[in-house]
């Protein structure tokens, strides 16, 4: 089953994962595969949990523990690449180290953020409109009592 990044899931997950995998400060914990950057490897699960998932806001999107993180990877279309014992490598057909892909992910995340903001504004406008209508009806009833 193939998951396209832009259609199947929120790009915020992919953006956050890309940032962490691409960050050279986390290379001892998680990094791109050195040969072709088409997958990433989790080098240190304890530090991934402790230093990334538990300590940063990325844990909200990526999962607060390793089980949740791996489940989210699977649900977003990542597959395990069979390696030796203790090595965890994950691949996705549309997730690779590529500056153009990074820009596309950021643009998609920004677009989703704007859409959420627009939806919140619409909800607020509806609430204001309903409140005005309620006050108008209330005033009409008060005028009828006089």
N, C-alpha and C. Protein backbone atom coordinates (compact mmCIF):
# COMPACT_ATOMS: atom_id res chain seq x y z
N UNK A 1 0.84 -1.18 0.00
CA UNK A 1 0.00 0.00 0.00
C UNK A 1 0.89 1.24 0.00
N UNK A 2 0.73 2.08 -0.97
CA UNK A 2 1.57 3.27 -1.10
C UNK A 2 0.85 4.50 -0.56
N UNK A 3 1.56 5.28 0.22
CA UNK A 3 1.03 6.53 0.76
C UNK A 3 1.73 7.68 0.09
N UNK A 4 0.99 8.56 -0.54
CA UNK A 4 1.58 9.77 -1.11
C UNK A 4 1.68 10.80 0.00
N UNK A 5 2.77 11.51 0.07
CA UNK A 5 3.00 12.47 1.14
C UNK A 5 1.94 13.56 1.17
N UNK A 6 1.58 14.08 0.03
CA UNK A 6 0.73 15.26 0.01
C UNK A 6 -0.75 14.95 0.13
N UNK A 7 -1.17 13.69 -0.06
CA UNK A 7 -2.59 13.42 -0.07
C UNK A 7 -3.08 12.54 1.06
N UNK A 8 -2.28 11.64 1.54
CA UNK A 8 -2.76 10.65 2.49
C UNK A 8 -2.70 11.12 3.95
N UNK A 9 -1.80 12.01 4.29
CA UNK A 9 -1.60 12.36 5.68
C UNK A 9 -1.19 13.81 5.82
N UNK A 10 -1.25 14.27 7.03
CA UNK A 10 -0.82 15.64 7.31
C UNK A 10 0.67 15.78 7.05
N UNK A 11 1.03 16.82 6.32
CA UNK A 11 2.44 17.01 6.01
C UNK A 11 3.24 17.45 7.23
N UNK A 12 2.58 17.89 8.28
CA UNK A 12 3.29 18.30 9.49
C UNK A 12 4.13 17.16 10.05
N UNK A 13 3.61 15.95 9.99
CA UNK A 13 4.36 14.78 10.45
C UNK A 13 5.64 14.63 9.63
N UNK A 14 5.50 14.70 8.32
CA UNK A 14 6.65 14.55 7.43
C UNK A 14 7.66 15.68 7.61
N UNK A 15 7.17 16.89 7.78
CA UNK A 15 8.06 18.04 7.97
C UNK A 15 8.87 17.87 9.24
N UNK A 16 8.21 17.51 10.33
CA UNK A 16 8.91 17.34 11.60
C UNK A 16 9.92 16.20 11.51
N UNK A 17 9.52 15.09 10.90
CA UNK A 17 10.44 13.96 10.74
C UNK A 17 11.63 14.35 9.88
N UNK A 18 11.37 15.06 8.79
CA UNK A 18 12.45 15.49 7.89
C UNK A 18 13.44 16.38 8.64
N UNK A 19 12.93 17.32 9.44
CA UNK A 19 13.81 18.21 10.20
C UNK A 19 14.73 17.43 11.13
N UNK A 20 14.18 16.44 11.80
CA UNK A 20 14.97 15.66 12.76
C UNK A 20 16.00 14.79 12.05
N UNK A 21 15.57 14.11 11.00
CA UNK A 21 16.48 13.23 10.27
C UNK A 21 17.58 14.06 9.60
N UNK A 22 17.25 15.24 9.12
CA UNK A 22 18.19 16.08 8.38
C UNK A 22 19.11 16.90 9.29
N UNK A 23 18.82 16.96 10.58
CA UNK A 23 19.60 17.74 11.53
C UNK A 23 20.91 17.02 11.86
N UNK A 24 22.02 17.63 11.53
CA UNK A 24 23.32 16.99 11.78
C UNK A 24 23.60 16.80 13.27
N UNK A 25 22.92 17.56 14.13
CA UNK A 25 23.12 17.40 15.57
C UNK A 25 22.53 16.08 16.09
N UNK A 26 21.62 15.49 15.32
CA UNK A 26 21.01 14.22 15.75
C UNK A 26 21.55 13.01 14.98
N UNK A 27 22.63 13.20 14.23
CA UNK A 27 23.15 12.11 13.39
C UNK A 27 23.53 10.86 14.16
N UNK A 28 23.92 10.98 15.41
CA UNK A 28 24.26 9.79 16.20
C UNK A 28 23.01 9.05 16.67
N UNK A 29 21.87 9.72 16.56
CA UNK A 29 20.60 9.13 17.00
C UNK A 29 19.78 8.65 15.80
N UNK A 30 19.63 9.52 14.82
CA UNK A 30 18.81 9.23 13.64
C UNK A 30 19.38 10.06 12.49
N UNK A 31 19.53 9.43 11.33
CA UNK A 31 20.11 10.17 10.20
C UNK A 31 19.73 9.50 8.88
N UNK A 32 20.00 10.22 7.81
CA UNK A 32 19.79 9.66 6.48
C UNK A 32 20.79 8.53 6.26
N UNK A 33 20.39 7.56 5.47
CA UNK A 33 21.33 6.51 5.07
C UNK A 33 22.45 7.18 4.27
N UNK A 34 23.66 6.86 4.57
CA UNK A 34 24.81 7.56 3.99
C UNK A 34 24.98 7.33 2.49
N UNK A 35 24.56 6.18 1.98
CA UNK A 35 24.86 5.85 0.58
C UNK A 35 24.02 6.63 -0.42
N UNK A 36 22.69 6.74 -0.20
CA UNK A 36 21.88 7.42 -1.21
C UNK A 36 20.77 8.30 -0.67
N UNK A 37 20.69 8.49 0.63
CA UNK A 37 19.71 9.39 1.24
C UNK A 37 18.25 9.05 0.90
N UNK A 38 17.96 7.80 0.58
CA UNK A 38 16.59 7.42 0.24
C UNK A 38 15.84 6.81 1.42
N UNK A 39 16.52 6.66 2.54
CA UNK A 39 15.90 6.14 3.75
C UNK A 39 16.65 6.71 4.94
N UNK A 40 16.13 6.44 6.13
CA UNK A 40 16.83 6.91 7.33
C UNK A 40 16.99 5.76 8.30
N UNK A 41 17.98 5.91 9.18
CA UNK A 41 18.32 4.87 10.14
C UNK A 41 18.21 5.43 11.56
N UNK A 42 17.59 4.65 12.43
CA UNK A 42 17.58 4.96 13.86
C UNK A 42 18.78 4.23 14.45
N UNK A 43 19.74 5.01 14.91
CA UNK A 43 20.99 4.44 15.44
C UNK A 43 20.90 4.17 16.94
N UNK A 44 20.14 4.99 17.66
CA UNK A 44 20.11 4.89 19.12
C UNK A 44 18.68 5.11 19.60
N UNK A 45 17.97 4.01 19.85
CA UNK A 45 16.56 4.11 20.23
C UNK A 45 16.37 4.78 21.59
N UNK A 46 17.26 4.50 22.54
CA UNK A 46 17.12 5.12 23.86
C UNK A 46 17.21 6.64 23.76
N UNK A 47 18.19 7.13 23.01
CA UNK A 47 18.37 8.57 22.86
C UNK A 47 17.26 9.18 22.00
N UNK A 48 16.76 8.43 21.03
CA UNK A 48 15.63 8.92 20.24
C UNK A 48 14.45 9.19 21.16
N UNK A 49 14.15 8.25 22.00
CA UNK A 49 13.05 8.41 22.95
C UNK A 49 13.31 9.54 23.93
N UNK A 50 14.47 9.50 24.57
CA UNK A 50 14.81 10.44 25.63
C UNK A 50 15.06 11.86 25.12
N UNK A 51 15.87 11.99 24.07
CA UNK A 51 16.33 13.32 23.64
C UNK A 51 15.45 13.97 22.57
N UNK A 52 14.68 13.17 21.85
CA UNK A 52 13.87 13.75 20.78
C UNK A 52 12.38 13.64 21.08
N UNK A 53 11.89 12.43 21.29
CA UNK A 53 10.44 12.25 21.46
C UNK A 53 9.92 12.86 22.77
N UNK A 54 10.65 12.69 23.87
CA UNK A 54 10.17 13.18 25.16
C UNK A 54 10.49 14.65 25.42
N UNK A 55 11.56 15.17 24.85
CA UNK A 55 12.01 16.51 25.19
C UNK A 55 11.58 17.61 24.24
N UNK A 56 11.07 17.27 23.08
CA UNK A 56 10.76 18.33 22.13
C UNK A 56 9.30 18.29 21.73
N UNK A 57 8.87 19.34 21.09
CA UNK A 57 7.50 19.42 20.61
C UNK A 57 7.25 18.41 19.49
N UNK A 58 8.32 17.88 18.91
CA UNK A 58 8.16 16.90 17.85
C UNK A 58 7.49 15.62 18.35
N UNK A 59 7.60 15.35 19.64
CA UNK A 59 6.97 14.17 20.21
C UNK A 59 5.47 14.17 20.04
N UNK A 60 4.87 15.34 20.01
CA UNK A 60 3.43 15.45 19.82
C UNK A 60 3.05 14.90 18.45
N UNK A 61 3.81 15.26 17.44
CA UNK A 61 3.52 14.81 16.08
C UNK A 61 4.05 13.41 15.81
N UNK A 62 5.23 13.12 16.32
CA UNK A 62 5.89 11.86 15.99
C UNK A 62 5.58 10.73 16.95
N UNK A 63 5.11 11.05 18.13
CA UNK A 63 4.82 10.04 19.13
C UNK A 63 5.64 10.30 20.38
N UNK A 64 5.09 9.99 21.53
CA UNK A 64 5.76 10.23 22.80
C UNK A 64 6.65 9.07 23.23
N UNK A 65 6.48 7.91 22.60
CA UNK A 65 7.33 6.77 22.91
C UNK A 65 7.67 6.04 21.62
N UNK A 66 8.55 5.06 21.70
CA UNK A 66 9.03 4.36 20.50
C UNK A 66 7.92 3.58 19.81
N UNK A 67 7.07 2.94 20.58
CA UNK A 67 5.97 2.17 19.99
C UNK A 67 5.06 3.07 19.17
N UNK A 68 4.72 4.21 19.74
CA UNK A 68 3.86 5.17 19.04
C UNK A 68 4.57 5.74 17.81
N UNK A 69 5.86 6.03 17.93
CA UNK A 69 6.64 6.54 16.81
C UNK A 69 6.64 5.54 15.65
N UNK A 70 6.94 4.28 15.95
CA UNK A 70 6.99 3.27 14.90
C UNK A 70 5.60 3.03 14.29
N UNK A 71 4.56 3.08 15.12
CA UNK A 71 3.20 2.93 14.60
C UNK A 71 2.84 4.08 13.66
N UNK A 72 3.26 5.30 14.04
CA UNK A 72 2.99 6.45 13.17
C UNK A 72 3.75 6.36 11.86
N UNK A 73 4.99 5.88 11.92
CA UNK A 73 5.74 5.68 10.69
C UNK A 73 4.98 4.74 9.75
N UNK A 74 4.53 3.60 10.30
CA UNK A 74 3.79 2.64 9.48
C UNK A 74 2.50 3.25 8.93
N UNK A 75 1.79 3.98 9.76
CA UNK A 75 0.52 4.57 9.31
C UNK A 75 0.71 5.66 8.27
N UNK A 76 1.92 6.22 8.20
CA UNK A 76 2.22 7.24 7.20
C UNK A 76 2.95 6.66 5.98
N UNK A 77 2.96 5.34 5.87
CA UNK A 77 3.48 4.71 4.66
C UNK A 77 4.94 4.32 4.68
N UNK A 78 5.60 4.41 5.84
CA UNK A 78 7.00 3.99 5.91
C UNK A 78 7.06 2.48 6.10
N UNK A 79 8.09 1.88 5.55
CA UNK A 79 8.29 0.44 5.72
C UNK A 79 9.69 0.20 6.28
N UNK A 80 9.81 -0.87 7.01
CA UNK A 80 11.11 -1.25 7.57
C UNK A 80 11.97 -1.86 6.49
N UNK A 81 13.23 -1.49 6.49
CA UNK A 81 14.21 -2.09 5.59
C UNK A 81 14.95 -3.12 6.42
N UNK A 82 14.98 -4.34 5.96
CA UNK A 82 15.61 -5.41 6.74
C UNK A 82 17.12 -5.17 6.83
N UNK A 83 17.59 -5.11 8.05
CA UNK A 83 19.01 -4.87 8.32
C UNK A 83 19.46 -5.89 9.36
N UNK A 84 20.64 -5.68 9.88
CA UNK A 84 21.16 -6.56 10.91
C UNK A 84 20.50 -6.28 12.25
N UNK A 85 20.82 -7.09 13.25
CA UNK A 85 20.24 -6.89 14.58
C UNK A 85 20.62 -5.52 15.16
N UNK A 86 19.65 -4.86 15.76
CA UNK A 86 19.89 -3.57 16.38
C UNK A 86 19.86 -2.38 15.42
N UNK A 87 19.72 -2.64 14.14
CA UNK A 87 19.65 -1.55 13.17
C UNK A 87 18.21 -1.40 12.69
N UNK A 88 17.71 -0.18 12.74
CA UNK A 88 16.36 0.09 12.25
C UNK A 88 16.44 1.10 11.12
N UNK A 89 16.05 0.67 9.94
CA UNK A 89 16.05 1.56 8.79
C UNK A 89 14.64 1.62 8.23
N UNK A 90 14.22 2.83 7.84
CA UNK A 90 12.88 3.03 7.32
C UNK A 90 12.94 3.75 5.98
N UNK A 91 12.07 3.34 5.08
CA UNK A 91 12.01 3.96 3.76
C UNK A 91 10.56 4.29 3.41
N UNK A 92 10.42 5.24 2.51
CA UNK A 92 9.12 5.66 1.98
C UNK A 92 9.38 6.08 0.55
N UNK A 93 8.52 5.68 -0.37
CA UNK A 93 8.74 5.98 -1.78
C UNK A 93 8.89 7.47 -2.06
N UNK A 94 8.25 8.31 -1.26
CA UNK A 94 8.25 9.75 -1.51
C UNK A 94 8.98 10.56 -0.44
N UNK A 95 9.79 9.90 0.37
CA UNK A 95 10.49 10.60 1.45
C UNK A 95 11.98 10.34 1.31
N UNK A 96 12.71 11.36 0.89
CA UNK A 96 14.16 11.24 0.70
C UNK A 96 14.79 12.60 0.94
N UNK A 97 16.09 12.59 1.16
CA UNK A 97 16.80 13.84 1.38
C UNK A 97 16.94 14.55 0.03
N UNK A 98 16.20 15.67 -0.10
CA UNK A 98 16.18 16.41 -1.34
C UNK A 98 15.72 17.83 -1.03
N UNK A 99 16.52 18.84 -1.35
CA UNK A 99 16.13 20.23 -1.04
C UNK A 99 14.78 20.62 -1.64
N UNK A 100 14.48 20.14 -2.84
CA UNK A 100 13.19 20.45 -3.46
C UNK A 100 12.05 19.82 -2.67
N UNK A 101 12.24 18.59 -2.22
CA UNK A 101 11.21 17.92 -1.43
C UNK A 101 10.99 18.66 -0.11
N UNK A 102 12.07 19.12 0.49
CA UNK A 102 11.96 19.85 1.75
C UNK A 102 11.12 21.11 1.53
N UNK A 103 11.34 21.83 0.44
CA UNK A 103 10.56 23.03 0.15
C UNK A 103 9.09 22.69 -0.08
N UNK A 104 8.83 21.59 -0.79
CA UNK A 104 7.45 21.17 -1.03
C UNK A 104 6.74 20.84 0.28
N UNK A 105 7.45 20.12 1.17
CA UNK A 105 6.88 19.78 2.47
C UNK A 105 6.55 21.03 3.28
N UNK A 106 7.47 21.98 3.29
CA UNK A 106 7.25 23.23 4.03
C UNK A 106 6.07 24.00 3.46
N UNK A 107 5.98 24.06 2.14
CA UNK A 107 4.86 24.76 1.50
C UNK A 107 3.54 24.09 1.83
N UNK A 108 3.52 22.76 1.81
CA UNK A 108 2.30 22.02 2.14
C UNK A 108 1.90 22.25 3.59
N UNK A 109 2.87 22.22 4.50
CA UNK A 109 2.58 22.45 5.91
C UNK A 109 2.05 23.87 6.12
N UNK A 110 2.63 24.84 5.44
CA UNK A 110 2.15 26.22 5.54
C UNK A 110 0.73 26.34 5.01
N UNK A 111 0.47 25.69 3.90
CA UNK A 111 -0.87 25.70 3.30
C UNK A 111 -1.89 25.09 4.27
N UNK A 112 -1.52 23.97 4.89
CA UNK A 112 -2.43 23.34 5.87
C UNK A 112 -2.66 24.26 7.06
N UNK A 113 -1.63 24.94 7.50
CA UNK A 113 -1.75 25.86 8.62
C UNK A 113 -2.70 27.01 8.27
N UNK A 114 -2.57 27.54 7.06
CA UNK A 114 -3.45 28.62 6.61
C UNK A 114 -4.89 28.12 6.51
N UNK A 115 -5.08 26.91 6.01
CA UNK A 115 -6.42 26.33 5.92
C UNK A 115 -7.05 26.19 7.30
N UNK A 116 -6.26 25.72 8.29
CA UNK A 116 -6.79 25.58 9.66
C UNK A 116 -7.15 26.95 10.22
N UNK A 117 -6.30 27.94 9.98
CA UNK A 117 -6.56 29.30 10.46
C UNK A 117 -7.83 29.86 9.82
N UNK A 118 -7.99 29.67 8.51
CA UNK A 118 -9.20 30.12 7.81
C UNK A 118 -10.44 29.46 8.39
N UNK A 119 -10.34 28.18 8.69
CA UNK A 119 -11.48 27.46 9.27
C UNK A 119 -11.83 28.02 10.64
N UNK A 120 -10.81 28.35 11.44
CA UNK A 120 -11.06 28.93 12.76
C UNK A 120 -11.74 30.29 12.63
N UNK A 121 -11.31 31.08 11.65
CA UNK A 121 -11.93 32.39 11.43
C UNK A 121 -13.39 32.22 11.03
N UNK A 122 -13.68 31.26 10.15
CA UNK A 122 -15.07 31.01 9.74
C UNK A 122 -15.94 30.63 10.93
N UNK A 123 -15.40 29.79 11.81
CA UNK A 123 -16.14 29.38 13.00
C UNK A 123 -16.42 30.60 13.88
N UNK A 124 -15.41 31.44 14.07
CA UNK A 124 -15.58 32.63 14.89
C UNK A 124 -16.62 33.58 14.27
N UNK A 125 -16.59 33.75 12.96
CA UNK A 125 -17.57 34.60 12.28
C UNK A 125 -18.98 34.05 12.46
N UNK A 126 -19.13 32.74 12.36
CA UNK A 126 -20.44 32.11 12.57
C UNK A 126 -20.94 32.33 13.99
N UNK A 127 -20.03 32.21 14.96
CA UNK A 127 -20.42 32.42 16.36
C UNK A 127 -20.85 33.88 16.59
N UNK A 128 -20.10 34.81 16.00
CA UNK A 128 -20.46 36.23 16.13
C UNK A 128 -21.80 36.50 15.49
N UNK A 129 -22.01 35.94 14.32
CA UNK A 129 -23.28 36.12 13.60
C UNK A 129 -24.44 35.55 14.43
N UNK A 130 -24.24 34.37 15.01
CA UNK A 130 -25.27 33.76 15.84
C UNK A 130 -25.53 34.59 17.09
N UNK A 131 -24.48 35.13 17.68
CA UNK A 131 -24.64 35.97 18.87
C UNK A 131 -25.41 37.24 18.54
N UNK A 132 -25.09 37.86 17.38
CA UNK A 132 -25.82 39.06 16.95
C UNK A 132 -27.28 38.74 16.72
N UNK A 133 -27.56 37.62 16.08
CA UNK A 133 -28.95 37.22 15.82
C UNK A 133 -29.68 36.97 17.13
N UNK A 134 -28.99 36.34 18.08
CA UNK A 134 -29.59 36.08 19.38
C UNK A 134 -29.93 37.38 20.10
N UNK A 135 -29.00 38.35 20.05
CA UNK A 135 -29.24 39.65 20.69
C UNK A 135 -30.40 40.39 20.01
N UNK A 136 -30.48 40.26 18.70
CA UNK A 136 -31.55 40.90 17.94
C UNK A 136 -32.91 40.33 18.35
N UNK A 137 -32.98 39.02 18.46
CA UNK A 137 -34.22 38.36 18.90
C UNK A 137 -34.56 38.76 20.32
N UNK A 138 -33.56 38.80 21.17
CA UNK A 138 -33.76 39.21 22.56
C UNK A 138 -34.32 40.63 22.63
N UNK A 139 -33.76 41.54 21.83
CA UNK A 139 -34.26 42.93 21.78
C UNK A 139 -35.69 42.98 21.28
N UNK A 140 -36.03 42.17 20.28
CA UNK A 140 -37.41 42.15 19.77
C UNK A 140 -38.38 41.70 20.84
N UNK A 141 -38.01 40.65 21.61
CA UNK A 141 -38.87 40.20 22.70
C UNK A 141 -39.04 41.27 23.77
N UNK A 142 -37.95 41.96 24.08
CA UNK A 142 -38.05 43.03 25.07
C UNK A 142 -38.95 44.15 24.59
N UNK A 143 -38.88 44.49 23.31
CA UNK A 143 -39.74 45.54 22.75
C UNK A 143 -41.20 45.12 22.76
N UNK A 144 -41.48 43.83 22.59
CA UNK A 144 -42.87 43.35 22.61
C UNK A 144 -43.46 43.42 24.00
N UNK A 145 -42.65 43.31 25.01
CA UNK A 145 -43.15 43.36 26.39
C UNK A 145 -43.58 44.76 26.78
N UNK A 146 -43.06 45.77 26.13
CA UNK A 146 -43.35 47.15 26.51
C UNK A 146 -44.72 47.56 26.08
